[in-house]
Amino acid sequence: MSGGGSGEGPKKCGLTELLVFIAAIISGTICSIMSKNMMSLHAEGITGEIELFDKPMFQTFGMFLGMLFGLVMHFLVLLFKIPFPGYIHSGAASTTDPENGRVVSEKTGLIQNSKQNVDDAPLKVPTWMYFFLAIPALFDLGATALCMMGLRYIDVSIYQLLRGSGIIFVAIMKQNVLGDKLHNFQWVGVIWNVVSVFMVGSTAILSGGKDADDGASAEGSNALLGVSLVMLGAFVQSMQFVFEEKVLTMDIPAPPLLLIGMEGFWGTLFCLVVIYPLVYYLPGDDHGSYEDPFNTWYMIANSTTIQVSFMIYFSSIFFYNFFAVLVTFLLNSVWHAILDNFRPITVWVTDLVIFYYFAPSLGEEWTVWSWIQVGGMGILLYGTAIYNAPNTGSISLEGQWYALGLNFSKEYEAVREEEANQEMDDEFQARMLSTRNMSSFRGEIVASLR
């Protein structure tokens, strides 16, 4: 659900939203694991020697390339009038231009439909929107590049949990930028998420320095660098989430698939024109460059394993971004941040299974510090359940022992009353619009008979 200040009323996590959320977790899990494992693959480099395929900028480029497929799906939805969230075609609740489609809510569509006799021009995606969507692409580019660099120094499950710190920044910006005020109990949920992030961050640093006689200080320093980079990436990513929610809820909003596709287009363009030339000329360990694109291409061409891994990564990154944007569209940006908080659970479990049952070199082993990680995930689930109250499956803090003396009964009652009023308002408006449309239809018949 959203905060208390949303103009559209609270949004609840129903069955459809839950299925989309689960699909995002599954695709995100595959994406995260493949991202980490690709960095541990080896192939013949441009000099003929076997090298480590440690290419964070290439993975960033691959992410945008995968998102670019959203443009194809956007135009297919418009061309064949495929039912899809965020699109209302002709013959539905409102008239649609098949070239552009309506990108309004069902309720807004009914209202627009009732005004057709006054204004027959359909809502279109304006040209400036295609350029405006370069902004979230820049946010995504910066966040992904920072996180990919941080992932070099920490385990993938820790990386995912640290990215969960984004909920802190999203909640602050959602209230102060979007004007969607959060309830006090939701802030309690956010605070518990902060606690989980600090617990997992300490796990990364402690496990990085576990062997004091074998370069512990260097490993601990690298882990701290990794944690800092990922946290900074989470901050930039939170700006992207809030910006995307704003774009999806404007008077003339961007359709979800167009949002994904244009972010992919601009991100791919920025990578080719700005990022790759920059990292090629910056000094580093990749044949004198921070990352040599020519060496990257040579290694891919000479390794079937890298090719297959990239195709899996390419597909999973598209589907993750596809479902994640739908989470923002169907719910809000805080739920998008919560999604990133849930992914570590499946990532970590999958990594443990890979380590003990398939390939230890590609998985993650259980250590003494893993108990702290388990505790962090437990607190993460607890905080998320508090944030989602008073919906089904959530935790309401009403003076119970696990509420730690907190009682938000009055706030929960206010939320329920707001939801009930919103449902009554929607039903009333739907009946009024239906009556008006029927009256207009009858008037047209009478006029034609005269």
Protein backbone atom coordinates (compact mmCIF):
# COMPACT_ATOMS: atom_id res chain seq x y z
CA MET A 1 0.00 0.00 0.00
CA SER A 2 1.07 3.55 -0.44
CA GLY A 3 1.38 6.24 2.11
CA GLY A 4 -1.43 8.27 3.44
CA GLY A 5 -1.09 11.17 1.13
CA SER A 6 -1.62 9.61 -2.23
CA GLY A 7 -4.15 11.30 -4.32
CA GLU A 8 -5.36 8.00 -5.75
CA GLY A 9 -5.92 6.37 -2.38
CA PRO A 10 -4.07 3.45 -0.83
CA LYS A 11 -2.88 0.66 -3.09
CA LYS A 12 -3.20 -2.88 -1.76
CA CYS A 13 -1.08 -5.88 -2.66
CA GLY A 14 -3.65 -8.28 -4.12
CA LEU A 15 -3.23 -11.56 -6.02
CA THR A 16 -2.18 -9.94 -9.30
CA GLU A 17 0.33 -7.71 -7.57
CA LEU A 18 1.65 -10.68 -5.56
CA LEU A 19 2.18 -12.79 -8.70
CA VAL A 20 4.02 -9.92 -10.40
CA PHE A 21 6.11 -9.44 -7.25
CA ILE A 22 7.05 -13.17 -7.16
CA ALA A 23 7.92 -13.15 -10.87
CA ALA A 24 10.21 -10.17 -10.25
CA ILE A 25 11.91 -12.02 -7.37
CA ILE A 26 12.53 -15.15 -9.49
CA SER A 27 13.91 -13.25 -12.50
CA GLY A 28 15.92 -10.96 -10.20
CA THR A 29 17.44 -13.95 -8.41
CA ILE A 30 18.61 -15.47 -11.70
CA CYS A 31 19.96 -12.09 -12.82
CA SER A 32 21.95 -11.50 -9.61
CA ILE A 33 23.49 -14.97 -9.56
CA MET A 34 24.44 -14.84 -13.25
CA SER A 35 25.92 -11.35 -12.76
CA LYS A 36 28.23 -12.57 -9.99
CA ASN A 37 29.11 -15.87 -11.66
CA MET A 38 29.99 -14.23 -14.98
CA MET A 39 32.72 -12.34 -13.12
CA SER A 40 34.30 -15.64 -12.07
CA LEU A 41 34.46 -17.14 -15.58
CA HIS A 42 37.71 -17.41 -17.54
CA ALA A 43 38.42 -17.26 -21.26
CA GLU A 44 41.23 -16.59 -23.74
CA GLY A 45 42.00 -12.89 -23.92
CA ILE A 46 43.22 -10.73 -26.76
CA THR A 47 46.87 -11.62 -25.99
CA GLY A 48 46.15 -15.36 -26.11
CA GLU A 49 46.36 -15.83 -22.33
CA ILE A 50 43.52 -17.14 -20.13
CA GLU A 51 41.96 -14.22 -18.24
CA LEU A 52 39.21 -13.57 -15.70
CA PHE A 53 36.01 -12.20 -17.26
CA ASP A 54 35.68 -9.36 -14.74
CA LYS A 55 33.73 -6.85 -16.83
CA PRO A 56 31.30 -4.69 -14.78
CA MET A 57 30.79 -2.12 -17.54
CA PHE A 58 29.90 -4.85 -20.04
CA GLN A 59 27.26 -6.16 -17.64
CA THR A 60 25.85 -2.64 -17.36
CA PHE A 61 25.75 -2.44 -21.15
CA GLY A 62 24.09 -5.88 -21.30
CA MET A 63 21.44 -4.73 -18.83
CA PHE A 64 20.42 -1.79 -21.02
CA LEU A 65 20.54 -3.96 -24.12
CA GLY A 66 18.09 -6.35 -22.45
CA MET A 67 15.78 -3.49 -21.44
CA LEU A 68 15.77 -2.24 -25.03
CA PHE A 69 13.51 -5.18 -25.90
CA GLY A 70 10.77 -3.35 -23.96
CA LEU A 71 10.37 -1.01 -26.97
CA VAL A 72 9.58 -4.00 -29.19
CA MET A 73 6.94 -5.21 -26.74
CA HIS A 74 5.52 -1.67 -26.41
CA PHE A 75 4.83 -1.40 -30.14
CA LEU A 76 3.52 -4.98 -30.31
CA VAL A 77 1.02 -4.16 -27.53
CA LEU A 78 -0.13 -1.10 -29.46
CA LEU A 79 -0.20 -2.80 -32.87
CA PHE A 80 -2.16 -5.88 -31.79
CA LYS A 81 -4.04 -4.12 -28.95
CA ILE A 82 -2.83 -6.66 -26.42
CA PRO A 83 -4.37 -6.16 -22.94
CA PHE A 84 -1.59 -4.94 -20.68
CA PRO A 85 -1.39 -2.84 -17.48
CA GLY A 86 -1.03 0.83 -18.36
CA TYR A 87 -2.62 0.54 -21.81
CA ILE A 88 -6.28 1.09 -22.71
CA HIS A 89 -7.07 0.37 -26.35
CA SER A 90 -10.02 1.30 -28.52
CA GLY A 91 -13.13 -0.64 -27.59
CA ALA A 92 -12.13 -0.60 -23.91
CA ALA A 93 -13.10 1.99 -21.33
CA SER A 94 -11.79 4.78 -23.53
CA THR A 95 -11.07 5.49 -27.20
CA THR A 96 -7.47 4.82 -28.19
CA ASP A 97 -5.28 5.85 -31.05
CA PRO A 98 -3.76 2.52 -32.24
CA GLU A 99 -0.51 4.33 -32.97
CA ASN A 100 -0.09 5.59 -29.41
CA GLY A 101 -2.57 3.95 -27.07
CA ARG A 102 -4.06 5.42 -23.93
CA VAL A 103 -1.87 5.10 -20.89
CA VAL A 104 -4.32 5.99 -18.15
CA SER A 105 -5.91 4.15 -15.28
CA GLU A 106 -9.26 2.41 -15.75
CA LYS A 107 -11.02 5.04 -13.67
CA THR A 108 -9.37 7.86 -15.63
CA GLY A 109 -10.31 6.07 -18.82
CA LEU A 110 -13.98 6.08 -17.81
CA ILE A 111 -13.79 9.78 -17.03
CA GLN A 112 -12.11 10.51 -20.36
CA ASN A 113 -14.72 8.39 -22.13
CA SER A 114 -17.51 10.46 -20.59
CA LYS A 115 -15.94 13.61 -22.08
CA GLN A 116 -15.59 12.36 -25.66
CA ASN A 117 -18.44 14.55 -26.96
CA VAL A 118 -16.46 17.57 -25.76
CA ASP A 119 -12.97 16.49 -26.81
CA ASP A 120 -12.43 13.60 -29.19
CA ALA A 121 -8.64 13.90 -29.28
CA PRO A 122 -7.12 10.85 -27.55
CA LEU A 123 -4.29 11.10 -25.07
CA LYS A 124 -0.98 10.47 -26.78
CA VAL A 125 2.55 9.98 -25.55
CA PRO A 126 4.12 13.37 -26.35
CA THR A 127 7.41 13.53 -28.21
CA TRP A 128 9.23 15.16 -25.31
CA MET A 129 8.48 12.10 -23.16
CA TYR A 130 10.87 9.99 -25.26
CA PHE A 131 13.70 12.39 -24.37
CA PHE A 132 12.50 12.90 -20.79
CA LEU A 133 13.00 9.18 -20.14
CA ALA A 134 16.75 9.66 -20.59
CA ILE A 135 16.82 10.89 -16.97
CA PRO A 136 15.93 7.56 -15.29
CA ALA A 137 18.35 5.88 -17.71
CA LEU A 138 21.15 8.07 -16.32
CA PHE A 139 20.14 7.16 -12.77
CA ASP A 140 20.07 3.48 -13.71
CA LEU A 141 23.42 3.72 -15.44
CA GLY A 142 25.12 5.33 -12.46
CA ALA A 143 23.51 2.99 -9.94
CA THR A 144 24.29 -0.17 -11.89
CA ALA A 145 27.90 0.85 -12.57
CA LEU A 146 28.49 1.58 -8.87
CA CYS A 147 26.85 -1.68 -7.77
CA MET A 148 28.74 -3.74 -10.35
CA MET A 149 32.04 -2.30 -9.11
CA GLY A 150 31.05 -3.01 -5.50
CA LEU A 151 30.02 -6.57 -6.37
CA ARG A 152 33.67 -7.34 -7.13
CA TYR A 153 34.50 -7.25 -3.41
CA ILE A 154 31.49 -8.84 -1.64
CA ASP A 155 29.27 -11.92 -1.92
CA VAL A 156 26.18 -11.63 -4.10
CA SER A 157 23.71 -12.21 -1.24
CA ILE A 158 25.37 -9.46 0.82
CA TYR A 159 25.34 -7.24 -2.25
CA GLN A 160 21.58 -7.76 -2.61
CA LEU A 161 20.85 -7.04 1.03
CA LEU A 162 22.90 -3.86 0.95
CA ARG A 163 20.94 -2.68 -2.06
CA GLY A 164 17.95 -2.98 0.23
CA SER A 165 19.13 0.22 1.88
CA GLY A 166 17.43 1.94 -1.03
CA ILE A 167 14.12 1.72 0.81
CA ILE A 168 15.45 4.30 3.28
CA PHE A 169 16.17 6.81 0.53
CA VAL A 170 13.00 5.98 -1.41
CA ALA A 171 10.80 6.51 1.66
CA ILE A 172 12.40 9.90 2.37
CA MET A 173 12.13 11.09 -1.23
CA LYS A 174 8.63 9.66 -1.67
CA GLN A 175 7.40 11.79 1.22
CA ASN A 176 9.40 14.95 0.46
CA VAL A 177 9.50 14.86 -3.35
CA LEU A 178 6.26 13.13 -4.37
CA GLY A 179 4.35 14.48 -1.37
CA ASP A 180 3.03 11.00 -0.48
CA LYS A 181 3.21 11.07 3.30
CA LEU A 182 4.00 7.78 5.01
CA HIS A 183 2.24 6.67 8.18
CA ASN A 184 4.21 6.37 11.41
CA PHE A 185 4.00 2.56 11.40
CA GLN A 186 5.46 2.54 7.87
CA TRP A 187 8.44 4.53 9.10
CA VAL A 188 8.90 1.89 11.81
CA GLY A 189 9.06 -0.71 9.04
CA VAL A 190 11.63 1.38 7.19
CA ILE A 191 13.75 1.72 10.35
CA TRP A 192 13.80 -2.07 10.80
CA ASN A 193 14.99 -2.31 7.20
CA VAL A 194 17.84 0.04 8.13
CA VAL A 195 18.79 -2.26 11.02
CA SER A 196 18.91 -5.25 8.67
CA VAL A 197 21.15 -3.35 6.25
CA PHE A 198 23.66 -2.48 8.98
CA MET A 199 23.71 -6.10 10.19
CA VAL A 200 24.43 -7.45 6.73
CA GLY A 201 26.98 -4.72 6.03
CA SER A 202 28.92 -5.75 9.12
CA THR A 203 28.75 -9.38 7.94
CA ALA A 204 30.52 -8.44 4.70
CA ILE A 205 33.34 -6.64 6.53
CA LEU A 206 33.76 -9.33 9.22
CA SER A 207 33.78 -12.22 6.77
CA GLY A 208 36.18 -10.30 4.53
CA GLY A 209 38.75 -10.12 7.31
CA LYS A 210 38.38 -13.61 8.76
CA ASP A 211 41.96 -14.76 7.98
CA ALA A 212 44.18 -12.35 9.86
CA ASP A 213 47.42 -13.95 8.65
CA ASP A 214 46.47 -13.93 4.98
CA GLY A 215 45.93 -10.29 4.16
CA ALA A 216 42.97 -9.67 6.47
CA SER A 217 43.34 -5.91 6.49
CA ALA A 218 43.38 -5.76 2.69
CA GLU A 219 40.32 -8.02 2.41
CA GLY A 220 38.46 -6.05 5.06
CA SER A 221 39.34 -2.81 3.28
CA ASN A 222 38.07 -4.22 -0.03
CA ALA A 223 34.86 -5.37 1.64
CA LEU A 224 34.36 -1.88 3.09
CA LEU A 225 34.93 -0.39 -0.36
CA GLY A 226 32.41 -2.84 -1.82
CA VAL A 227 29.82 -1.96 0.84
CA SER A 228 30.33 1.79 0.25
CA LEU A 229 29.99 1.48 -3.53
CA VAL A 230 26.81 -0.60 -3.29
CA MET A 231 25.28 1.79 -0.72
CA LEU A 232 26.02 4.75 -3.01
CA GLY A 233 24.51 2.82 -5.90
CA ALA A 234 21.40 2.16 -3.80
CA PHE A 235 20.99 5.90 -3.22
CA VAL A 236 21.18 6.65 -6.94
CA GLN A 237 18.80 3.76 -7.65
CA SER A 238 16.27 5.18 -5.19
CA MET A 239 16.19 8.41 -7.20
CA GLN A 240 15.39 6.30 -10.26
CA PHE A 241 12.51 4.50 -8.48
CA VAL A 242 10.91 7.74 -7.32
CA PHE A 243 11.35 9.34 -10.74
CA GLU A 244 9.75 6.30 -12.41
CA GLU A 245 6.75 6.46 -10.09
CA LYS A 246 6.34 10.14 -10.96
CA VAL A 247 6.51 9.40 -14.70
CA LEU A 248 4.00 6.54 -14.40
CA THR A 249 1.48 8.72 -12.52
CA MET A 250 1.64 11.97 -14.51
CA ASP A 251 -1.45 13.41 -16.22
CA ILE A 252 -0.12 11.92 -19.46
CA PRO A 253 1.97 9.05 -18.07
CA ALA A 254 4.53 6.92 -19.83
CA PRO A 255 3.37 3.33 -20.47
CA PRO A 256 5.42 0.77 -18.45
CA LEU A 257 6.88 -0.94 -21.52
CA LEU A 258 7.84 2.39 -23.08
CA LEU A 259 9.53 3.35 -19.82
CA ILE A 260 11.60 0.15 -19.83
CA GLY A 261 12.41 0.35 -23.53
CA MET A 262 13.44 4.02 -23.57
CA GLU A 263 15.61 3.54 -20.49
CA GLY A 264 17.25 0.70 -22.39
CA PHE A 265 17.66 2.84 -25.52
CA TRP A 266 19.21 5.82 -23.75
CA GLY A 267 21.31 3.61 -21.48
CA THR A 268 22.70 1.67 -24.47
CA LEU A 269 23.48 4.93 -26.24
CA PHE A 270 25.22 6.42 -23.18
CA CYS A 271 27.29 3.25 -22.75
CA LEU A 272 28.46 3.28 -26.36
CA VAL A 273 29.10 7.02 -26.67
CA VAL A 274 30.27 7.98 -23.16
CA ILE A 275 30.99 5.10 -20.77
CA TYR A 276 32.96 2.72 -22.99
CA PRO A 277 35.29 5.40 -24.44
CA LEU A 278 35.83 6.68 -20.88
CA VAL A 279 36.72 3.31 -19.32
CA TYR A 280 38.87 2.43 -22.35
CA TYR A 281 41.11 5.47 -21.90
CA LEU A 282 41.16 5.39 -18.10
CA PRO A 283 44.23 3.49 -16.84
CA GLY A 284 43.60 0.08 -15.29
CA ASP A 285 44.45 -3.62 -15.19
CA ASP A 286 42.61 -4.65 -18.37
CA HIS A 287 45.52 -4.33 -20.84
CA GLY A 288 46.19 -0.79 -19.71
CA SER A 289 42.51 0.21 -19.56
CA TYR A 290 39.98 0.18 -16.75
CA GLU A 291 37.93 -2.03 -19.07
CA ASP A 292 38.97 -2.87 -22.64
CA PRO A 293 35.86 -3.44 -24.85
CA PHE A 294 37.96 -5.09 -27.57
CA ASN A 295 39.31 -7.62 -25.09
CA THR A 296 35.77 -8.17 -23.78
CA TRP A 297 34.49 -8.95 -27.26
CA TYR A 298 37.43 -11.29 -27.97
CA MET A 299 36.80 -13.25 -24.76
CA ILE A 300 33.08 -13.61 -25.53
CA ALA A 301 33.80 -14.81 -29.06
CA ASN A 302 36.17 -17.49 -27.72
CA SER A 303 34.02 -18.84 -24.89
CA THR A 304 30.74 -20.70 -25.32
CA THR A 305 30.27 -20.65 -21.53
CA ILE A 306 30.38 -16.85 -21.44
CA GLN A 307 28.03 -16.66 -24.42
CA VAL A 308 25.43 -18.90 -22.77
CA SER A 309 25.83 -17.12 -19.43
CA PHE A 310 25.33 -13.74 -21.08
CA MET A 311 22.16 -14.87 -22.87
CA ILE A 312 20.70 -16.06 -19.55
CA TYR A 313 21.73 -12.78 -17.91
CA PHE A 314 20.37 -10.81 -20.88
CA SER A 315 16.96 -12.51 -20.66
CA SER A 316 16.67 -12.39 -16.87
CA ILE A 317 17.61 -8.68 -16.67
CA PHE A 318 14.85 -7.81 -19.11
CA PHE A 319 12.22 -9.81 -17.26
CA TYR A 320 13.36 -8.43 -13.90
CA ASN A 321 13.09 -4.82 -15.08
CA PHE A 322 9.81 -5.68 -16.82
CA PHE A 323 8.20 -7.03 -13.64
CA ALA A 324 9.90 -4.45 -11.38
CA VAL A 325 8.41 -1.54 -13.33
CA LEU A 326 5.02 -3.28 -13.12
CA VAL A 327 5.48 -3.42 -9.34
CA THR A 328 5.98 0.36 -9.34
CA PHE A 329 2.99 0.82 -11.66
CA LEU A 330 0.61 -1.48 -9.75
CA LEU A 331 1.84 -0.46 -6.27
CA ASN A 332 4.50 2.26 -5.78
CA SER A 333 8.22 3.02 -5.60
CA VAL A 334 8.56 1.88 -1.97
CA TRP A 335 7.30 -1.56 -3.00
CA HIS A 336 9.94 -1.54 -5.74
CA ALA A 337 12.53 -0.94 -3.02
CA ILE A 338 10.96 -3.71 -0.89
CA LEU A 339 11.33 -6.01 -3.90
CA ASP A 340 15.09 -5.45 -3.84
CA ASN A 341 15.02 -6.30 -0.13
CA PHE A 342 13.34 -9.67 -0.72
CA ARG A 343 15.61 -10.87 -3.49
CA PRO A 344 18.56 -11.65 -1.15
CA ILE A 345 16.60 -14.42 0.52
CA THR A 346 16.24 -16.42 -2.70
CA VAL A 347 19.72 -15.40 -3.87
CA TRP A 348 21.35 -16.62 -0.67
CA VAL A 349 19.41 -19.90 -0.54
CA THR A 350 20.19 -20.55 -4.20
CA ASP A 351 23.89 -19.78 -3.61
CA LEU A 352 24.01 -22.23 -0.69
CA VAL A 353 22.39 -24.94 -2.85
CA ILE A 354 24.88 -24.29 -5.66
CA PHE A 355 27.84 -24.46 -3.26
CA TYR A 356 26.87 -27.70 -1.48
CA TYR A 357 25.18 -29.60 -4.31
CA PHE A 358 26.49 -28.37 -7.66
CA ALA A 359 29.59 -26.14 -8.02
CA PRO A 360 31.32 -24.86 -4.86
CA SER A 361 33.34 -22.36 -6.88
CA LEU A 362 30.13 -20.65 -8.05
CA GLY A 363 28.17 -20.75 -4.79
CA GLU A 364 28.50 -19.37 -1.28
CA GLU A 365 29.45 -21.40 1.78
CA TRP A 366 28.00 -21.19 5.28
CA THR A 367 30.27 -19.36 7.74
CA VAL A 368 30.06 -18.38 11.39
CA TRP A 369 28.99 -14.90 10.25
CA SER A 370 26.07 -16.32 8.28
CA TRP A 371 24.01 -16.36 11.47
CA ILE A 372 24.14 -12.56 11.50
CA GLN A 373 22.93 -12.63 7.91
CA VAL A 374 20.01 -14.89 8.90
CA GLY A 375 19.13 -12.46 11.67
CA GLY A 376 19.31 -9.56 9.22
CA MET A 377 16.93 -11.31 6.83
CA GLY A 378 14.53 -12.07 9.68
CA ILE A 379 14.48 -8.40 10.66
CA LEU A 380 14.02 -7.52 6.98
CA LEU A 381 10.90 -9.68 6.76
CA TYR A 382 9.63 -8.26 10.06
CA GLY A 383 10.09 -4.66 8.87
CA THR A 384 8.44 -5.32 5.52
CA ALA A 385 5.44 -6.99 7.18
CA ILE A 386 5.06 -3.94 9.45
CA TYR A 387 5.22 -1.59 6.46
CA ASN A 388 2.46 -3.51 4.63
CA ALA A 389 -0.02 -3.36 7.55
CA PRO A 390 -2.95 -3.62 7.93
CA ASN A 391 -3.21 -5.83 4.80
CA THR A 392 -3.46 -9.62 4.92
CA GLY A 393 -0.18 -11.31 5.88
CA SER A 394 1.22 -8.19 7.51
CA ILE A 395 2.11 -7.43 11.13
CA SER A 396 0.06 -4.80 12.96
CA LEU A 397 1.70 -3.17 15.97
CA GLU A 398 -1.10 -2.85 18.51
CA GLY A 399 0.65 -3.26 21.85
CA GLN A 400 1.64 -6.97 21.48
CA TRP A 401 4.93 -8.24 22.91
CA TYR A 402 6.56 -8.16 19.48
CA ALA A 403 5.35 -4.56 18.99
CA LEU A 404 7.86 -3.50 21.67
CA GLY A 405 5.38 -1.16 23.31
CA LEU A 406 4.18 0.48 20.07
CA ASN A 407 0.48 0.83 19.33
CA PHE A 408 -0.76 2.20 16.01
CA SER A 409 -4.38 1.03 16.27
CA LYS A 410 -5.74 4.49 15.41
CA GLU A 411 -3.61 4.71 12.28
CA TYR A 412 -4.71 1.26 11.10
CA GLU A 413 -8.34 2.22 11.62
CA ALA A 414 -7.78 5.42 9.64
CA VAL A 415 -6.20 3.42 6.80
CA ARG A 416 -9.13 0.96 6.71
CA GLU A 417 -11.59 3.85 6.67
CA GLU A 418 -9.68 5.53 3.86
CA GLU A 419 -9.70 2.31 1.81
CA ALA A 420 -13.45 1.85 2.38
CA ASN A 421 -14.17 5.44 1.38
CA GLN A 422 -12.01 5.05 -1.73
CA GLU A 423 -13.89 1.90 -2.77
CA MET A 424 -17.24 3.64 -2.25
CA ASP A 425 -16.02 6.65 -4.23
CA ASP A 426 -14.84 4.44 -7.12
CA GLU A 427 -18.15 2.55 -7.21
CA PHE A 428 -20.15 5.78 -7.12
CA GLN A 429 -18.13 7.36 -9.94
CA ALA A 430 -18.37 4.20 -12.04
CA ARG A 431 -22.19 4.17 -11.63
CA MET A 432 -22.45 7.88 -12.45
CA LEU A 433 -20.30 7.54 -15.55
CA SER A 434 -22.26 4.49 -16.67
CA THR A 435 -25.53 6.39 -16.22
CA ARG A 436 -24.20 9.43 -18.11
CA ASN A 437 -22.94 7.30 -20.98
CA MET A 438 -26.26 5.44 -21.22
CA SER A 439 -28.18 8.73 -21.17
CA SER A 440 -25.97 10.08 -23.95
CA PHE A 441 -26.52 6.89 -25.95
CA ARG A 442 -30.31 7.17 -25.58
CA GLY A 443 -30.16 10.84 -26.55
CA GLU A 444 -28.32 9.96 -29.74
CA ILE A 445 -30.99 7.36 -30.62
CA VAL A 446 -33.82 9.84 -30.04
CA ALA A 447 -32.02 12.48 -32.09
CA SER A 448 -31.53 10.05 -34.97
CA LEU A 449 -35.23 9.14 -35.01
CA ARG A 450 -36.35 12.77 -35.30
